[in-house]
Amino acid sequence: MLLLLTDGLPEQKNIAAEMFDYARVHQALQQVGAGTPENIIAHLAKAGEAWMSGAIQDDDITMMVIKRKEESHT
């Protein structure tokens, strides 16, 4: 799996002006990494929104997930 993202998600700030940061992105990704690309993106977006706790988003957020399909050897 490959996750490509702009700095909008990790630099998202909560009402205390604390950034979400790359460590939290990594933690959120570990929670859902086995899912579909759509589920992974939705989960990361929700984690960022929850972190903001009502703060206004001030940067764009772009994410792309690429997963390799596993081959069946039957």
N, C-alpha and C. Protein backbone atom coordinates (compact mmCIF):
# COMPACT_ATOMS: atom_id res chain seq x y z
N MET A 1 0.84 -1.17 0.00
CA MET A 1 0.00 0.00 0.00
C MET A 1 0.89 1.24 0.00
N LEU A 2 0.42 2.24 -0.71
CA LEU A 2 1.12 3.51 -0.77
C LEU A 2 0.12 4.61 -0.44
N LEU A 3 0.43 5.45 0.53
CA LEU A 3 -0.39 6.59 0.88
C LEU A 3 0.35 7.85 0.46
N LEU A 4 -0.29 8.63 -0.38
CA LEU A 4 0.25 9.94 -0.78
C LEU A 4 -0.68 10.99 -0.20
N LEU A 5 -0.12 11.99 0.45
CA LEU A 5 -0.96 13.03 1.00
C LEU A 5 -0.22 14.36 1.06
N THR A 6 -0.99 15.42 0.99
CA THR A 6 -0.41 16.75 1.16
C THR A 6 -0.25 17.02 2.65
N ASP A 7 0.34 18.14 2.99
CA ASP A 7 0.57 18.47 4.40
C ASP A 7 -0.68 18.96 5.12
N GLY A 8 -1.81 19.03 4.39
CA GLY A 8 -3.03 19.53 5.01
C GLY A 8 -3.52 18.72 6.19
N LEU A 9 -3.47 17.39 6.11
CA LEU A 9 -3.92 16.55 7.22
C LEU A 9 -2.97 16.62 8.40
N PRO A 10 -1.67 16.35 8.24
CA PRO A 10 -0.80 16.39 9.41
C PRO A 10 -0.66 17.78 10.04
N GLU A 11 -0.88 18.83 9.26
CA GLU A 11 -0.77 20.19 9.80
C GLU A 11 -2.12 20.75 10.26
N GLN A 12 -3.15 19.92 10.25
CA GLN A 12 -4.46 20.34 10.74
C GLN A 12 -4.35 20.64 12.23
N LYS A 13 -4.91 21.77 12.65
CA LYS A 13 -4.80 22.17 14.06
C LYS A 13 -6.13 22.04 14.77
N ASN A 14 -6.04 21.71 16.06
CA ASN A 14 -7.24 21.65 16.89
C ASN A 14 -7.45 23.03 17.52
N ILE A 15 -8.44 23.14 18.41
CA ILE A 15 -8.74 24.45 18.99
C ILE A 15 -7.63 24.95 19.91
N ALA A 16 -6.72 24.08 20.33
CA ALA A 16 -5.57 24.48 21.14
C ALA A 16 -4.35 24.78 20.26
N ALA A 17 -4.55 24.83 18.94
CA ALA A 17 -3.50 25.12 17.95
C ALA A 17 -2.42 24.03 17.89
N GLU A 18 -2.76 22.80 18.30
CA GLU A 18 -1.84 21.67 18.21
C GLU A 18 -2.05 20.98 16.88
N MET A 19 -0.96 20.62 16.20
CA MET A 19 -1.08 19.95 14.91
C MET A 19 -1.39 18.46 15.09
N PHE A 20 -2.12 17.92 14.12
CA PHE A 20 -2.43 16.50 14.07
C PHE A 20 -1.13 15.70 13.95
N ASP A 21 -0.23 16.09 13.16
CA ASP A 21 1.13 15.59 12.90
C ASP A 21 1.18 14.21 12.24
N TYR A 22 2.35 13.88 11.74
CA TYR A 22 2.53 12.64 10.98
C TYR A 22 2.43 11.40 11.87
N ALA A 23 2.77 11.50 13.14
CA ALA A 23 2.65 10.34 14.03
C ALA A 23 1.19 9.92 14.17
N ARG A 24 0.28 10.88 14.28
CA ARG A 24 -1.14 10.55 14.38
C ARG A 24 -1.67 10.02 13.05
N VAL A 25 -1.17 10.55 11.94
CA VAL A 25 -1.55 10.00 10.63
C VAL A 25 -1.15 8.54 10.58
N HIS A 26 0.06 8.23 11.02
CA HIS A 26 0.56 6.86 11.02
C HIS A 26 -0.29 5.96 11.91
N GLN A 27 -0.65 6.45 13.10
CA GLN A 27 -1.49 5.66 14.01
C GLN A 27 -2.85 5.38 13.38
N ALA A 28 -3.45 6.40 12.79
CA ALA A 28 -4.76 6.21 12.16
C ALA A 28 -4.66 5.25 10.99
N LEU A 29 -3.58 5.32 10.24
CA LEU A 29 -3.37 4.42 9.11
C LEU A 29 -3.23 2.98 9.58
N GLN A 30 -2.54 2.76 10.67
CA GLN A 30 -2.38 1.40 11.20
C GLN A 30 -3.72 0.80 11.61
N GLN A 31 -4.66 1.62 12.04
CA GLN A 31 -5.97 1.12 12.47
C GLN A 31 -6.79 0.58 11.31
N VAL A 32 -6.55 1.07 10.09
CA VAL A 32 -7.42 0.74 8.97
C VAL A 32 -6.65 0.33 7.71
N GLY A 33 -5.36 0.13 7.83
CA GLY A 33 -4.51 -0.16 6.67
C GLY A 33 -4.91 -1.36 5.84
N ALA A 34 -5.61 -2.31 6.42
CA ALA A 34 -6.02 -3.50 5.67
C ALA A 34 -7.29 -3.25 4.86
N GLY A 35 -7.91 -2.10 5.04
CA GLY A 35 -9.17 -1.81 4.35
C GLY A 35 -8.97 -1.39 2.91
N THR A 36 -10.07 -1.05 2.29
CA THR A 36 -10.03 -0.58 0.89
C THR A 36 -9.46 0.84 0.88
N PRO A 37 -8.96 1.28 -0.27
CA PRO A 37 -8.49 2.66 -0.36
C PRO A 37 -9.56 3.68 0.08
N GLU A 38 -10.80 3.44 -0.31
CA GLU A 38 -11.89 4.36 0.07
C GLU A 38 -12.06 4.40 1.58
N ASN A 39 -12.01 3.24 2.24
CA ASN A 39 -12.14 3.18 3.69
C ASN A 39 -10.98 3.85 4.41
N ILE A 40 -9.79 3.67 3.87
CA ILE A 40 -8.60 4.28 4.47
C ILE A 40 -8.72 5.80 4.41
N ILE A 41 -9.07 6.34 3.26
CA ILE A 41 -9.20 7.79 3.12
C ILE A 41 -10.30 8.33 4.02
N ALA A 42 -11.44 7.64 4.06
CA ALA A 42 -12.54 8.08 4.92
C ALA A 42 -12.13 8.08 6.39
N HIS A 43 -11.41 7.04 6.80
CA HIS A 43 -10.96 6.95 8.20
C HIS A 43 -9.99 8.08 8.55
N LEU A 44 -9.04 8.34 7.67
CA LEU A 44 -8.08 9.42 7.92
C LEU A 44 -8.78 10.77 7.98
N ALA A 45 -9.73 10.99 7.08
CA ALA A 45 -10.48 12.26 7.08
C ALA A 45 -11.27 12.43 8.38
N LYS A 46 -11.91 11.35 8.84
CA LYS A 46 -12.68 11.41 10.08
C LYS A 46 -11.77 11.65 11.28
N ALA A 47 -10.60 11.02 11.28
CA ALA A 47 -9.65 11.21 12.38
C ALA A 47 -9.20 12.67 12.43
N GLY A 48 -8.96 13.26 11.28
CA GLY A 48 -8.57 14.68 11.23
C GLY A 48 -9.69 15.59 11.70
N GLU A 49 -10.91 15.30 11.28
CA GLU A 49 -12.06 16.10 11.71
C GLU A 49 -12.26 16.00 13.22
N ALA A 50 -12.13 14.80 13.76
CA ALA A 50 -12.28 14.62 15.20
C ALA A 50 -11.20 15.40 15.95
N TRP A 51 -9.99 15.41 15.41
CA TRP A 51 -8.89 16.13 16.03
C TRP A 51 -9.16 17.63 16.08
N MET A 52 -9.78 18.16 15.02
CA MET A 52 -10.02 19.60 14.94
C MET A 52 -10.99 20.08 16.03
N SER A 53 -11.88 19.25 16.48
CA SER A 53 -12.83 19.59 17.56
C SER A 53 -13.52 20.93 17.33
N GLY A 54 -13.94 21.18 16.10
CA GLY A 54 -14.65 22.41 15.81
C GLY A 54 -13.79 23.53 15.26
N ALA A 55 -12.48 23.35 15.24
CA ALA A 55 -11.60 24.37 14.66
C ALA A 55 -11.85 24.43 13.15
N ILE A 56 -11.58 25.55 12.55
CA ILE A 56 -11.80 25.74 11.12
C ILE A 56 -10.60 25.21 10.34
N GLN A 57 -10.89 24.41 9.32
CA GLN A 57 -9.84 23.88 8.44
C GLN A 57 -9.29 25.03 7.61
N ASP A 58 -7.98 25.21 7.64
CA ASP A 58 -7.39 26.35 6.93
C ASP A 58 -6.46 25.94 5.77
N ASP A 59 -6.43 24.66 5.44
CA ASP A 59 -5.58 24.20 4.35
C ASP A 59 -6.31 23.08 3.61
N ASP A 60 -5.97 22.93 2.33
CA ASP A 60 -6.59 21.84 1.58
C ASP A 60 -5.97 20.51 2.01
N ILE A 61 -6.74 19.45 1.83
CA ILE A 61 -6.27 18.10 2.17
C ILE A 61 -6.49 17.23 0.94
N THR A 62 -5.41 16.62 0.48
CA THR A 62 -5.48 15.71 -0.65
C THR A 62 -4.82 14.40 -0.25
N MET A 63 -5.52 13.29 -0.51
CA MET A 63 -4.98 11.96 -0.19
C MET A 63 -5.23 11.02 -1.35
N MET A 64 -4.28 10.11 -1.55
CA MET A 64 -4.43 9.06 -2.55
C MET A 64 -3.85 7.79 -1.95
N VAL A 65 -4.61 6.71 -2.06
CA VAL A 65 -4.15 5.41 -1.57
C VAL A 65 -4.07 4.46 -2.76
N ILE A 66 -2.92 3.81 -2.88
CA ILE A 66 -2.71 2.82 -3.94
C ILE A 66 -2.40 1.50 -3.25
N LYS A 67 -3.19 0.48 -3.59
CA LYS A 67 -2.95 -0.85 -3.02
C LYS A 67 -2.75 -1.84 -4.14
N ARG A 68 -1.85 -2.74 -3.92
CA ARG A 68 -1.61 -3.82 -4.87
C ARG A 68 -2.56 -4.97 -4.56
N LYS A 69 -3.17 -5.46 -5.59
CA LYS A 69 -4.09 -6.56 -5.42
C LYS A 69 -3.28 -7.85 -5.26
N GLU A 70 -3.62 -8.61 -4.23
CA GLU A 70 -2.93 -9.87 -3.99
C GLU A 70 -3.35 -10.91 -5.02
N GLU A 71 -2.40 -11.64 -5.54
CA GLU A 71 -2.69 -12.70 -6.51
C GLU A 71 -3.03 -13.99 -5.78
N SER A 72 -3.96 -14.71 -6.35
CA SER A 72 -4.34 -16.00 -5.80
C SER A 72 -3.53 -17.08 -6.52
N HIS A 73 -2.89 -17.95 -5.75
CA HIS A 73 -2.08 -19.04 -6.33
C HIS A 73 -2.79 -20.37 -6.15
N THR A 74 -3.94 -20.51 -6.78
CA THR A 74 -4.69 -21.77 -6.64
C THR A 74 -4.59 -22.59 -7.89
